[in-house]
C-alpha cells in the first residue's frame, strides 16, 4: 500500500497527539503511588501499547484522586 502526501499529512496530527498523550501519561504514571482498578504496571502497558485509547483510558479510569 502506497500512501500519498494527503494521507501522510492527515496522519501527522494523529501521531503528534498520540506521542503527547503517551508522554503526559507516562510522566503522571511515574509520579503516582495509587491507581484505581488495576495495578501500576498494567496501566503502563495500556498506556504504551493501546493506541490513542490507552492513554485516554488511563487518564479517565486509572488515576486515583489523591491530588498528586
N, C-alpha and C. Protein backbone atom coordinates (compact mmCIF):
# COMPACT_ATOMS: atom_id res chain seq x y z
N UNK A 1 0.84 -1.17 0.00
CA UNK A 1 0.00 0.00 0.00
C UNK A 1 0.88 1.23 0.00
N UNK A 2 0.66 2.10 -0.95
CA UNK A 2 1.43 3.33 -1.09
C UNK A 2 0.59 4.48 -0.54
N UNK A 3 1.19 5.26 0.35
CA UNK A 3 0.49 6.41 0.92
C UNK A 3 0.84 7.67 0.12
N UNK A 4 -0.17 8.42 -0.23
CA UNK A 4 0.10 9.67 -0.92
C UNK A 4 0.32 10.78 0.11
N UNK A 5 0.70 11.96 -0.37
CA UNK A 5 1.03 13.07 0.53
C UNK A 5 -0.16 13.51 1.38
N UNK A 6 -1.37 13.48 0.83
CA UNK A 6 -2.54 13.90 1.60
C UNK A 6 -2.78 12.97 2.79
N UNK A 7 -2.60 11.70 2.57
CA UNK A 7 -2.79 10.73 3.65
C UNK A 7 -1.74 10.92 4.73
N UNK A 8 -0.51 11.11 4.32
CA UNK A 8 0.57 11.33 5.28
C UNK A 8 0.34 12.61 6.07
N UNK A 9 -0.07 13.66 5.41
CA UNK A 9 -0.34 14.94 6.09
C UNK A 9 -1.51 14.81 7.05
N UNK A 10 -2.47 13.95 6.77
CA UNK A 10 -3.61 13.74 7.65
C UNK A 10 -3.20 12.92 8.88
N UNK A 11 -2.22 12.05 8.74
CA UNK A 11 -1.79 11.20 9.85
C UNK A 11 -0.84 11.90 10.82
N UNK A 12 -0.13 12.90 10.37
CA UNK A 12 0.85 13.59 11.21
C UNK A 12 0.22 14.15 12.49
N UNK A 13 -0.93 14.86 12.43
CA UNK A 13 -1.51 15.35 13.69
C UNK A 13 -1.91 14.22 14.65
N UNK A 14 -2.38 13.11 14.12
CA UNK A 14 -2.73 11.97 14.98
C UNK A 14 -1.51 11.39 15.67
N UNK A 15 -0.41 11.31 14.97
CA UNK A 15 0.82 10.79 15.55
C UNK A 15 1.33 11.74 16.64
N UNK A 16 1.25 13.03 16.39
CA UNK A 16 1.69 14.02 17.38
C UNK A 16 0.81 13.96 18.63
N UNK A 17 -0.51 13.86 18.46
CA UNK A 17 -1.42 13.74 19.60
C UNK A 17 -1.12 12.47 20.39
N UNK A 18 -0.88 11.38 19.71
CA UNK A 18 -0.56 10.11 20.37
C UNK A 18 0.71 10.24 21.20
N UNK A 19 1.75 10.84 20.64
CA UNK A 19 3.01 11.00 21.37
C UNK A 19 2.85 11.89 22.59
N UNK A 20 2.12 12.99 22.45
CA UNK A 20 1.88 13.88 23.58
C UNK A 20 1.11 13.16 24.68
N UNK A 21 0.06 12.42 24.32
CA UNK A 21 -0.70 11.66 25.30
C UNK A 21 0.18 10.64 26.04
N UNK A 22 1.00 9.95 25.31
CA UNK A 22 1.88 8.95 25.92
C UNK A 22 2.85 9.62 26.89
N UNK A 23 3.47 10.71 26.49
CA UNK A 23 4.44 11.39 27.34
C UNK A 23 3.78 11.90 28.62
N UNK A 24 2.62 12.56 28.49
CA UNK A 24 1.91 13.09 29.66
C UNK A 24 1.51 11.95 30.60
N UNK A 25 1.00 10.88 30.05
CA UNK A 25 0.54 9.76 30.88
C UNK A 25 1.70 9.04 31.57
N UNK A 26 2.81 8.85 30.88
CA UNK A 26 3.95 8.16 31.50
C UNK A 26 4.53 9.02 32.62
N UNK A 27 4.60 10.33 32.43
CA UNK A 27 5.08 11.22 33.50
C UNK A 27 4.14 11.14 34.70
N UNK A 28 2.84 11.20 34.46
CA UNK A 28 1.86 11.09 35.55
C UNK A 28 1.93 9.73 36.21
N UNK A 29 2.03 8.68 35.42
CA UNK A 29 2.13 7.31 35.93
C UNK A 29 3.33 7.16 36.86
N UNK A 30 4.45 7.76 36.48
CA UNK A 30 5.68 7.65 37.26
C UNK A 30 5.56 8.36 38.61
N UNK A 31 4.78 9.42 38.69
CA UNK A 31 4.65 10.19 39.92
C UNK A 31 3.68 9.57 40.92
N UNK A 32 2.77 8.75 40.47
CA UNK A 32 1.69 8.22 41.32
C UNK A 32 2.09 6.95 42.06
N UNK A 33 1.49 6.81 43.25
CA UNK A 33 1.65 5.59 44.04
C UNK A 33 0.39 4.73 43.98
N UNK A 34 -0.78 5.38 43.91
CA UNK A 34 -2.06 4.68 43.93
C UNK A 34 -2.73 4.74 42.56
N UNK A 35 -3.38 3.64 42.21
CA UNK A 35 -4.11 3.55 40.95
C UNK A 35 -5.45 2.89 41.20
N UNK A 36 -6.44 3.28 40.43
CA UNK A 36 -7.76 2.65 40.53
C UNK A 36 -7.81 1.46 39.59
N UNK A 37 -8.61 0.49 39.95
CA UNK A 37 -8.98 -0.66 39.11
C UNK A 37 -7.87 -1.67 38.85
N UNK A 38 -6.70 -1.27 38.42
CA UNK A 38 -5.64 -2.21 38.06
C UNK A 38 -4.33 -1.78 38.72
N UNK A 39 -3.30 -2.64 38.62
CA UNK A 39 -2.04 -2.27 39.24
C UNK A 39 -1.20 -1.35 38.34
N UNK A 40 -0.13 -0.82 38.91
CA UNK A 40 0.69 0.18 38.25
C UNK A 40 1.27 -0.31 36.92
N UNK A 41 1.80 -1.50 36.89
CA UNK A 41 2.48 -1.99 35.69
C UNK A 41 1.52 -2.31 34.56
N UNK A 42 0.32 -2.75 34.91
CA UNK A 42 -0.68 -2.98 33.87
C UNK A 42 -1.06 -1.67 33.18
N UNK A 43 -1.19 -0.60 33.97
CA UNK A 43 -1.53 0.69 33.38
C UNK A 43 -0.42 1.18 32.44
N UNK A 44 0.83 0.90 32.77
CA UNK A 44 1.91 1.28 31.86
C UNK A 44 1.79 0.55 30.53
N UNK A 45 1.46 -0.72 30.57
CA UNK A 45 1.27 -1.49 29.34
C UNK A 45 0.12 -0.91 28.52
N UNK A 46 -0.98 -0.56 29.18
CA UNK A 46 -2.13 0.04 28.48
C UNK A 46 -1.73 1.36 27.84
N UNK A 47 -1.00 2.19 28.58
CA UNK A 47 -0.58 3.50 28.06
C UNK A 47 0.28 3.34 26.83
N UNK A 48 1.23 2.42 26.87
CA UNK A 48 2.20 2.30 25.79
C UNK A 48 1.71 1.53 24.57
N UNK A 49 0.83 0.55 24.77
CA UNK A 49 0.51 -0.35 23.67
C UNK A 49 -0.91 -0.29 23.12
N UNK A 50 -1.79 0.47 23.76
CA UNK A 50 -3.15 0.62 23.23
C UNK A 50 -3.22 2.01 22.61
N UNK A 51 -3.16 2.07 21.30
CA UNK A 51 -3.06 3.34 20.58
C UNK A 51 -4.20 4.29 20.89
N UNK A 52 -3.85 5.51 21.16
CA UNK A 52 -4.71 6.66 21.47
C UNK A 52 -5.70 6.37 22.60
N UNK A 53 -6.39 5.26 22.56
CA UNK A 53 -7.40 4.96 23.57
C UNK A 53 -6.74 4.61 24.91
N UNK A 54 -5.58 3.98 24.91
CA UNK A 54 -4.91 3.58 26.14
C UNK A 54 -4.61 4.74 27.08
N UNK A 55 -3.95 5.80 26.60
CA UNK A 55 -3.72 6.95 27.48
C UNK A 55 -5.01 7.61 27.95
N UNK A 56 -6.01 7.64 27.09
CA UNK A 56 -7.29 8.23 27.48
C UNK A 56 -7.95 7.38 28.56
N UNK A 57 -7.89 6.06 28.43
CA UNK A 57 -8.42 5.17 29.47
C UNK A 57 -7.70 5.38 30.79
N UNK A 58 -6.37 5.52 30.72
CA UNK A 58 -5.60 5.76 31.95
C UNK A 58 -6.02 7.07 32.61
N UNK A 59 -6.12 8.13 31.83
CA UNK A 59 -6.50 9.43 32.39
C UNK A 59 -7.91 9.40 32.96
N UNK A 60 -8.78 8.61 32.37
CA UNK A 60 -10.17 8.56 32.80
C UNK A 60 -10.38 7.59 33.97
N UNK A 61 -9.84 6.39 33.88
CA UNK A 61 -10.15 5.33 34.84
C UNK A 61 -8.99 4.89 35.71
N UNK A 62 -7.76 5.23 35.38
CA UNK A 62 -6.61 4.67 36.09
C UNK A 62 -6.10 5.46 37.25
N UNK A 63 -6.22 6.76 37.19
CA UNK A 63 -5.63 7.60 38.23
C UNK A 63 -6.53 7.65 39.46
N UNK A 64 -5.90 7.52 40.62
CA UNK A 64 -6.63 7.65 41.87
C UNK A 64 -6.65 9.14 42.23
N UNK A 65 -7.72 9.60 42.81
CA UNK A 65 -7.87 11.01 43.17
C UNK A 65 -7.16 11.30 44.48
N UNK A 66 -5.84 11.29 44.44
CA UNK A 66 -5.06 11.58 45.65
C UNK A 66 -4.38 12.94 45.58
N UNK A 67 -4.84 13.79 44.66
CA UNK A 67 -4.34 15.16 44.49
C UNK A 67 -2.85 15.23 44.17
N UNK A 68 -2.30 14.25 43.49
CA UNK A 68 -0.91 14.29 43.03
C UNK A 68 -0.85 14.76 41.62
